């Protein structure tokens, strides 16, 4: 997982978004465990409550489930549900801008398909499990 946090969103939301990206990219699959709150907090110098808040959002969205004494796990169908939502969001919000730009530049469909074939494979996000130790007292939190 990228360790750079931006000021545009609270850190717990950025953490949530990174886990969502990992599910969408297939890095985390149905039934896979998430790294422990303590490990993520320690590895990325975050307050454990910040990590817990990000994870709790995933639980609230039914993308992750808590298993008492065992941790948090990706729920069955999480990727499918996220993919459906992301595809719809893309078509409603992003595609109109992209299509307008394509038209304004006069691209032919064959040119776009050829350019698509030349793209390198997408790189996956990662969340490194790391140590399961207490977080640093100087950890960032929100």
N, C-alpha and C. Protein backbone atom coordinates (compact mmCIF):
# COMPACT_ATOMS: atom_id res chain seq x y z
N UNK A 1 0.85 -1.18 0.00
CA UNK A 1 0.00 0.00 0.00
C UNK A 1 0.89 1.23 0.00
N UNK A 2 0.50 2.21 -0.76
CA UNK A 2 1.22 3.48 -0.80
C UNK A 2 1.16 4.12 0.57
N UNK A 3 2.28 4.60 1.05
CA UNK A 3 2.33 5.19 2.39
C UNK A 3 2.11 6.69 2.37
N UNK A 4 1.85 7.26 1.23
CA UNK A 4 1.63 8.70 1.13
C UNK A 4 0.15 9.00 1.38
N UNK A 5 -0.11 9.87 2.32
CA UNK A 5 -1.47 10.29 2.64
C UNK A 5 -1.63 11.72 2.14
N UNK A 6 -2.79 12.03 1.62
CA UNK A 6 -3.04 13.39 1.14
C UNK A 6 -3.92 14.13 2.14
N UNK A 7 -3.98 15.42 1.98
CA UNK A 7 -4.83 16.24 2.84
C UNK A 7 -6.24 16.38 2.30
N UNK A 8 -6.50 15.80 1.13
CA UNK A 8 -7.80 15.98 0.49
C UNK A 8 -8.92 15.18 1.17
N UNK A 9 -8.58 14.09 1.81
CA UNK A 9 -9.56 13.24 2.50
C UNK A 9 -8.99 12.82 3.84
N UNK A 10 -9.86 12.53 4.81
CA UNK A 10 -9.34 11.99 6.07
C UNK A 10 -8.59 10.67 5.81
N UNK A 11 -7.60 10.39 6.63
CA UNK A 11 -6.78 9.20 6.43
C UNK A 11 -7.62 7.92 6.50
N UNK A 12 -8.58 7.85 7.41
CA UNK A 12 -9.39 6.63 7.50
C UNK A 12 -10.13 6.38 6.18
N UNK A 13 -10.54 7.45 5.50
CA UNK A 13 -11.25 7.31 4.22
C UNK A 13 -10.27 6.86 3.13
N UNK A 14 -9.05 7.40 3.16
CA UNK A 14 -8.04 6.98 2.18
C UNK A 14 -7.69 5.51 2.37
N UNK A 15 -7.61 5.07 3.63
CA UNK A 15 -7.34 3.66 3.91
C UNK A 15 -8.47 2.80 3.38
N UNK A 16 -9.70 3.21 3.64
CA UNK A 16 -10.87 2.49 3.14
C UNK A 16 -10.81 2.39 1.62
N UNK A 17 -10.49 3.50 0.95
CA UNK A 17 -10.43 3.52 -0.51
C UNK A 17 -9.34 2.61 -1.05
N UNK A 18 -8.22 2.50 -0.33
CA UNK A 18 -7.13 1.63 -0.76
C UNK A 18 -7.53 0.16 -0.65
N UNK A 19 -8.23 -0.19 0.41
CA UNK A 19 -8.70 -1.57 0.55
C UNK A 19 -9.72 -1.87 -0.55
N UNK A 20 -10.61 -0.93 -0.84
CA UNK A 20 -11.58 -1.11 -1.93
C UNK A 20 -10.84 -1.34 -3.25
N UNK A 21 -9.79 -0.55 -3.52
CA UNK A 21 -9.01 -0.73 -4.75
C UNK A 21 -8.39 -2.12 -4.80
N UNK A 22 -7.92 -2.60 -3.67
CA UNK A 22 -7.31 -3.94 -3.62
C UNK A 22 -8.35 -5.03 -3.91
N UNK A 23 -9.56 -4.82 -3.44
CA UNK A 23 -10.63 -5.78 -3.73
C UNK A 23 -10.98 -5.73 -5.21
N UNK A 24 -11.12 -4.54 -5.76
CA UNK A 24 -11.46 -4.39 -7.17
C UNK A 24 -10.38 -4.98 -8.08
N UNK A 25 -9.12 -4.83 -7.69
CA UNK A 25 -8.01 -5.32 -8.51
C UNK A 25 -7.74 -6.81 -8.30
N UNK A 26 -8.45 -7.44 -7.38
CA UNK A 26 -8.25 -8.86 -7.14
C UNK A 26 -7.08 -9.18 -6.24
N UNK A 27 -6.49 -8.17 -5.62
CA UNK A 27 -5.41 -8.41 -4.66
C UNK A 27 -5.99 -9.08 -3.41
N UNK A 28 -7.17 -8.61 -3.01
CA UNK A 28 -7.92 -9.24 -1.91
C UNK A 28 -9.16 -9.89 -2.52
N UNK A 29 -9.38 -11.15 -2.22
CA UNK A 29 -10.51 -11.90 -2.75
C UNK A 29 -11.48 -12.28 -1.64
N UNK A 30 -12.65 -12.78 -2.04
CA UNK A 30 -13.64 -13.23 -1.06
C UNK A 30 -12.99 -14.15 -0.04
N UNK A 31 -13.22 -13.86 1.24
CA UNK A 31 -12.71 -14.69 2.32
C UNK A 31 -11.30 -14.37 2.77
N UNK A 32 -10.60 -13.52 2.03
CA UNK A 32 -9.23 -13.16 2.43
C UNK A 32 -9.23 -12.30 3.68
N UNK A 33 -8.26 -12.52 4.55
CA UNK A 33 -8.16 -11.66 5.75
C UNK A 33 -7.54 -10.32 5.41
N UNK A 34 -7.97 -9.29 6.09
CA UNK A 34 -7.30 -7.99 6.02
C UNK A 34 -6.17 -8.02 7.03
N UNK A 35 -5.11 -7.27 6.78
CA UNK A 35 -4.05 -7.17 7.80
C UNK A 35 -4.67 -6.63 9.09
N UNK A 36 -4.11 -7.02 10.21
CA UNK A 36 -4.67 -6.59 11.49
C UNK A 36 -4.58 -5.08 11.64
N UNK A 37 -5.48 -4.54 12.44
CA UNK A 37 -5.48 -3.11 12.74
C UNK A 37 -4.13 -2.71 13.31
N UNK A 38 -3.63 -3.49 14.25
CA UNK A 38 -2.36 -3.17 14.88
C UNK A 38 -1.20 -3.17 13.89
N UNK A 39 -1.19 -4.13 12.97
CA UNK A 39 -0.11 -4.22 11.99
C UNK A 39 -0.13 -3.02 11.05
N UNK A 40 -1.31 -2.66 10.54
CA UNK A 40 -1.41 -1.52 9.64
C UNK A 40 -1.02 -0.24 10.37
N UNK A 41 -1.50 -0.09 11.60
CA UNK A 41 -1.17 1.09 12.39
C UNK A 41 0.34 1.20 12.60
N UNK A 42 0.97 0.09 12.92
CA UNK A 42 2.41 0.10 13.17
C UNK A 42 3.19 0.36 11.88
N UNK A 43 2.82 -0.31 10.81
CA UNK A 43 3.56 -0.18 9.56
C UNK A 43 3.46 1.21 8.95
N UNK A 44 2.32 1.85 9.11
CA UNK A 44 2.11 3.15 8.46
C UNK A 44 2.04 4.30 9.45
N UNK A 45 2.45 4.02 10.70
CA UNK A 45 2.51 5.04 11.74
C UNK A 45 1.18 5.79 11.88
N UNK A 46 0.12 5.01 11.98
CA UNK A 46 -1.22 5.56 12.15
C UNK A 46 -1.74 5.20 13.53
N UNK A 47 -2.65 5.99 14.02
CA UNK A 47 -3.34 5.65 15.24
C UNK A 47 -4.23 4.44 14.95
N UNK A 48 -4.22 3.41 15.80
CA UNK A 48 -5.06 2.24 15.56
C UNK A 48 -6.55 2.59 15.41
N UNK A 49 -7.00 3.65 16.08
CA UNK A 49 -8.40 4.05 15.95
C UNK A 49 -8.71 4.56 14.54
N UNK A 50 -7.72 5.16 13.90
CA UNK A 50 -7.88 5.62 12.52
C UNK A 50 -8.06 4.41 11.59
N UNK A 51 -7.22 3.40 11.77
CA UNK A 51 -7.33 2.18 10.96
C UNK A 51 -8.67 1.50 11.23
N UNK A 52 -9.04 1.41 12.49
CA UNK A 52 -10.31 0.78 12.85
C UNK A 52 -11.49 1.51 12.21
N UNK A 53 -11.44 2.83 12.19
CA UNK A 53 -12.52 3.61 11.58
C UNK A 53 -12.63 3.32 10.08
N UNK A 54 -11.49 3.22 9.39
CA UNK A 54 -11.50 2.88 7.98
C UNK A 54 -12.06 1.48 7.75
N UNK A 55 -11.63 0.54 8.57
CA UNK A 55 -12.13 -0.83 8.46
C UNK A 55 -13.62 -0.89 8.79
N UNK A 56 -14.05 -0.11 9.77
CA UNK A 56 -15.46 -0.12 10.16
C UNK A 56 -16.35 0.37 9.02
N UNK A 57 -15.86 1.32 8.23
CA UNK A 57 -16.64 1.76 7.06
C UNK A 57 -16.86 0.59 6.10
N UNK A 58 -15.82 -0.23 5.93
CA UNK A 58 -15.94 -1.39 5.06
C UNK A 58 -16.95 -2.40 5.62
N UNK A 59 -16.97 -2.54 6.93
CA UNK A 59 -17.95 -3.42 7.58
C UNK A 59 -19.35 -2.87 7.36
N UNK A 60 -19.51 -1.56 7.58
CA UNK A 60 -20.81 -0.92 7.40
C UNK A 60 -21.33 -1.06 5.97
N UNK A 61 -20.41 -1.09 5.01
CA UNK A 61 -20.78 -1.25 3.60
C UNK A 61 -20.93 -2.72 3.21
N UNK A 62 -20.76 -3.60 4.17
CA UNK A 62 -20.86 -5.06 3.98
C UNK A 62 -19.85 -5.59 2.96
N UNK A 63 -18.69 -4.95 2.90
CA UNK A 63 -17.60 -5.43 2.05
C UNK A 63 -16.63 -6.29 2.84
N UNK A 64 -16.64 -6.10 4.16
CA UNK A 64 -15.76 -6.82 5.07
C UNK A 64 -16.60 -7.26 6.26
N UNK A 65 -16.26 -8.42 6.81
CA UNK A 65 -16.96 -8.89 8.00
C UNK A 65 -15.98 -9.13 9.13
N UNK A 66 -16.45 -8.85 10.34
CA UNK A 66 -15.63 -9.10 11.53
C UNK A 66 -15.90 -10.52 11.98
N UNK A 67 -14.83 -11.23 12.30
CA UNK A 67 -14.96 -12.56 12.90
C UNK A 67 -14.28 -12.47 14.27
N UNK A 68 -15.09 -12.54 15.27
CA UNK A 68 -14.61 -12.33 16.63
C UNK A 68 -13.40 -13.22 16.93
N UNK A 69 -12.34 -12.57 17.36
CA UNK A 69 -11.12 -13.27 17.73
C UNK A 69 -10.26 -13.70 16.55
N UNK A 70 -10.74 -13.48 15.32
CA UNK A 70 -9.99 -13.92 14.14
C UNK A 70 -9.58 -12.77 13.23
N UNK A 71 -10.31 -11.67 13.27
CA UNK A 71 -9.96 -10.53 12.42
C UNK A 71 -11.08 -10.14 11.49
N UNK A 72 -10.68 -9.46 10.42
CA UNK A 72 -11.64 -8.98 9.41
C UNK A 72 -11.34 -9.66 8.09
N UNK A 73 -12.41 -10.01 7.38
CA UNK A 73 -12.30 -10.78 6.15
C UNK A 73 -13.19 -10.18 5.07
N UNK A 74 -12.74 -10.27 3.82
CA UNK A 74 -13.52 -9.78 2.69
C UNK A 74 -14.76 -10.67 2.56
N UNK A 75 -15.93 -10.04 2.45
CA UNK A 75 -17.17 -10.80 2.35
C UNK A 75 -17.34 -11.40 0.95
N UNK A 76 -18.11 -12.46 0.90
CA UNK A 76 -18.41 -13.09 -0.39
C UNK A 76 -19.20 -12.10 -1.24
N UNK A 77 -18.80 -11.92 -2.47
CA UNK A 77 -19.48 -11.03 -3.40
C UNK A 77 -19.06 -9.57 -3.30
N UNK A 78 -18.06 -9.26 -2.48
CA UNK A 78 -17.63 -7.86 -2.31
C UNK A 78 -17.13 -7.28 -3.63
N UNK A 79 -16.30 -8.00 -4.33
CA UNK A 79 -15.75 -7.49 -5.60
C UNK A 79 -16.86 -7.27 -6.62
N UNK A 80 -17.77 -8.22 -6.71
CA UNK A 80 -18.88 -8.10 -7.67
C UNK A 80 -19.72 -6.86 -7.37
N UNK A 81 -20.02 -6.63 -6.09
CA UNK A 81 -20.82 -5.46 -5.71
C UNK A 81 -20.07 -4.16 -6.00
N UNK A 82 -18.78 -4.14 -5.66
CA UNK A 82 -17.98 -2.95 -5.92
C UNK A 82 -17.85 -2.69 -7.41
N UNK A 83 -17.63 -3.73 -8.18
CA UNK A 83 -17.46 -3.59 -9.62
C UNK A 83 -18.73 -3.00 -10.24
N UNK A 84 -19.86 -3.47 -9.80
CA UNK A 84 -21.14 -2.95 -10.32
C UNK A 84 -21.25 -1.46 -10.02
N UNK A 85 -20.96 -1.07 -8.80
CA UNK A 85 -21.04 0.34 -8.41
C UNK A 85 -20.02 1.19 -9.17
N UNK A 86 -18.79 0.69 -9.29
CA UNK A 86 -17.74 1.44 -9.96
C UNK A 86 -18.02 1.60 -11.46
N UNK A 87 -18.53 0.56 -12.07
CA UNK A 87 -18.86 0.65 -13.49
C UNK A 87 -19.94 1.69 -13.73
N UNK A 88 -20.95 1.69 -12.88
CA UNK A 88 -22.04 2.66 -13.01
C UNK A 88 -21.53 4.08 -12.79
N UNK A 89 -20.69 4.26 -11.77
CA UNK A 89 -20.12 5.57 -11.49
C UNK A 89 -19.27 6.05 -12.67
N UNK A 90 -18.48 5.16 -13.24
CA UNK A 90 -17.65 5.51 -14.39
C UNK A 90 -18.51 5.97 -15.56
N UNK A 91 -19.55 5.20 -15.86
CA UNK A 91 -20.40 5.55 -17.00
C UNK A 91 -21.14 6.86 -16.79
N UNK A 92 -21.51 7.15 -15.55
CA UNK A 92 -22.26 8.38 -15.28
C UNK A 92 -21.37 9.61 -15.13
N UNK A 93 -20.21 9.45 -14.49
CA UNK A 93 -19.39 10.61 -14.16
C UNK A 93 -18.17 10.81 -15.05
N UNK A 94 -17.49 9.75 -15.38
CA UNK A 94 -16.21 9.89 -16.09
C UNK A 94 -16.35 9.74 -17.61
N UNK A 95 -17.14 8.76 -18.04
CA UNK A 95 -17.22 8.48 -19.46
C UNK A 95 -17.68 9.67 -20.29
N UNK A 96 -18.68 10.44 -19.87
CA UNK A 96 -19.08 11.59 -20.71
C UNK A 96 -17.93 12.56 -20.99
N UNK A 97 -17.07 12.80 -20.01
CA UNK A 97 -15.92 13.70 -20.21
C UNK A 97 -14.91 13.08 -21.18
N UNK A 98 -14.66 11.79 -20.99
CA UNK A 98 -13.70 11.09 -21.85
C UNK A 98 -14.23 11.03 -23.28
N UNK A 99 -15.49 10.69 -23.44
CA UNK A 99 -16.09 10.60 -24.78
C UNK A 99 -16.08 11.95 -25.48
N UNK A 100 -16.35 13.02 -24.75
CA UNK A 100 -16.32 14.35 -25.35
C UNK A 100 -14.91 14.70 -25.82
N UNK A 101 -13.92 14.35 -25.03
CA UNK A 101 -12.51 14.62 -25.40
C UNK A 101 -12.11 13.80 -26.62
N UNK A 102 -12.52 12.54 -26.67
CA UNK A 102 -12.24 11.68 -27.81
C UNK A 102 -12.84 12.27 -29.08
N UNK A 103 -14.08 12.71 -28.98
CA UNK A 103 -14.75 13.30 -30.14
C UNK A 103 -14.08 14.60 -30.57
N UNK A 104 -13.69 15.43 -29.60
CA UNK A 104 -13.07 16.71 -29.95
C UNK A 104 -11.71 16.51 -30.63
N UNK A 105 -11.04 15.42 -30.33
CA UNK A 105 -9.75 15.13 -30.95
C UNK A 105 -9.88 14.33 -32.25
N UNK A 106 -11.09 13.90 -32.56
CA UNK A 106 -11.35 13.22 -33.82
C UNK A 106 -10.77 11.82 -33.93
N UNK A 107 -10.67 11.10 -32.81
CA UNK A 107 -10.15 9.74 -32.86
C UNK A 107 -11.11 8.81 -33.58
N UNK A 108 -10.54 7.89 -34.36
CA UNK A 108 -11.32 6.81 -34.97
C UNK A 108 -11.33 5.64 -33.98
N UNK A 109 -12.39 4.85 -33.97
CA UNK A 109 -12.45 3.71 -33.05
C UNK A 109 -11.23 2.78 -33.16
N UNK A 110 -10.74 2.57 -34.38
CA UNK A 110 -9.58 1.68 -34.57
C UNK A 110 -8.33 2.24 -33.88
N UNK A 111 -8.17 3.57 -33.89
CA UNK A 111 -7.03 4.18 -33.21
C UNK A 111 -7.10 3.95 -31.71
N UNK A 112 -8.28 4.08 -31.17
CA UNK A 112 -8.45 3.88 -29.72
C UNK A 112 -8.20 2.43 -29.33
N UNK A 113 -8.68 1.50 -30.13
CA UNK A 113 -8.45 0.09 -29.83
C UNK A 113 -6.97 -0.25 -29.91
N UNK A 114 -6.27 0.31 -30.88
CA UNK A 114 -4.83 0.06 -31.01
C UNK A 114 -4.09 0.64 -29.80
N UNK A 115 -4.49 1.82 -29.36
CA UNK A 115 -3.86 2.45 -28.19
C UNK A 115 -4.14 1.62 -26.94
N UNK A 116 -5.32 1.09 -26.84
CA UNK A 116 -5.68 0.25 -25.69
C UNK A 116 -4.83 -1.01 -25.64
N UNK A 117 -4.57 -1.59 -26.79
CA UNK A 117 -3.73 -2.79 -26.86
C UNK A 117 -2.29 -2.52 -26.44
N UNK A 118 -1.83 -1.28 -26.60
CA UNK A 118 -0.45 -0.94 -26.25
C UNK A 118 -0.27 -0.59 -24.77
N UNK A 119 -1.34 -0.46 -24.03
CA UNK A 119 -1.23 -0.10 -22.61
C UNK A 119 -0.59 -1.23 -21.82
N UNK A 120 0.27 -0.88 -20.86
CA UNK A 120 0.84 -1.92 -19.99
C UNK A 120 -0.23 -2.43 -19.04
N UNK A 121 -0.04 -3.62 -18.49
CA UNK A 121 -1.01 -4.15 -17.53
C UNK A 121 -1.10 -3.22 -16.32
N UNK A 122 -2.29 -3.13 -15.75
CA UNK A 122 -2.49 -2.29 -14.57
C UNK A 122 -1.70 -2.86 -13.40
N UNK A 123 -1.18 -1.96 -12.57
CA UNK A 123 -0.47 -2.41 -11.37
C UNK A 123 -1.44 -2.46 -10.21
N UNK A 124 -1.29 -3.45 -9.37
CA UNK A 124 -2.19 -3.66 -8.26
C UNK A 124 -1.73 -2.91 -7.01
N UNK A 125 -2.69 -2.45 -6.24
CA UNK A 125 -2.39 -1.85 -4.94
C UNK A 125 -2.05 -2.97 -3.97
N UNK A 126 -1.28 -2.67 -2.97
CA UNK A 126 -0.97 -3.68 -1.96
C UNK A 126 -1.08 -3.08 -0.58
N UNK A 127 -1.45 -3.90 0.34
CA UNK A 127 -1.50 -3.55 1.75
C UNK A 127 -0.64 -4.59 2.44
N UNK A 128 0.50 -4.21 2.91
CA UNK A 128 1.46 -5.14 3.48
C UNK A 128 1.07 -5.47 4.90
N UNK A 129 0.88 -6.75 5.22
CA UNK A 129 0.48 -7.11 6.57
C UNK A 129 1.44 -6.58 7.64
N UNK A 130 2.72 -6.76 7.50
CA UNK A 130 3.67 -6.20 8.46
C UNK A 130 3.58 -6.81 9.85
N UNK A 131 4.16 -6.08 10.80
CA UNK A 131 4.22 -6.56 12.17
C UNK A 131 2.87 -6.45 12.86
N UNK A 132 2.66 -7.29 13.86
CA UNK A 132 1.46 -7.22 14.68
C UNK A 132 1.87 -6.69 16.05
N UNK A 133 2.41 -5.45 16.04
CA UNK A 133 2.91 -4.84 17.27
C UNK A 133 2.11 -3.61 17.59
N UNK A 134 2.27 -3.12 18.81
CA UNK A 134 1.57 -1.91 19.20
C UNK A 134 2.02 -0.75 18.31
N UNK A 135 1.10 0.15 18.04
CA UNK A 135 1.40 1.30 17.19
C UNK A 135 2.32 2.27 17.89
N UNK A 136 3.05 3.02 17.09
CA UNK A 136 3.96 4.05 17.60
C UNK A 136 3.14 5.14 18.29
N UNK A 137 3.56 5.61 19.45
CA UNK A 137 2.81 6.65 20.13
C UNK A 137 2.71 7.94 19.33
N UNK A 138 3.61 8.17 18.40
CA UNK A 138 3.57 9.37 17.59
C UNK A 138 2.78 9.18 16.30
N UNK A 139 1.92 8.18 16.27
CA UNK A 139 1.18 7.86 15.06
C UNK A 139 0.20 8.97 14.68
N UNK A 140 -0.04 9.06 13.35
CA UNK A 140 -1.02 10.03 12.86
C UNK A 140 -2.41 9.47 13.06
N UNK A 141 -3.35 10.35 13.27
CA UNK A 141 -4.74 9.92 13.40
C UNK A 141 -5.66 11.03 12.97
N UNK A 142 -6.91 10.63 12.68
CA UNK A 142 -7.93 11.60 12.30
C UNK A 142 -9.25 11.19 12.90
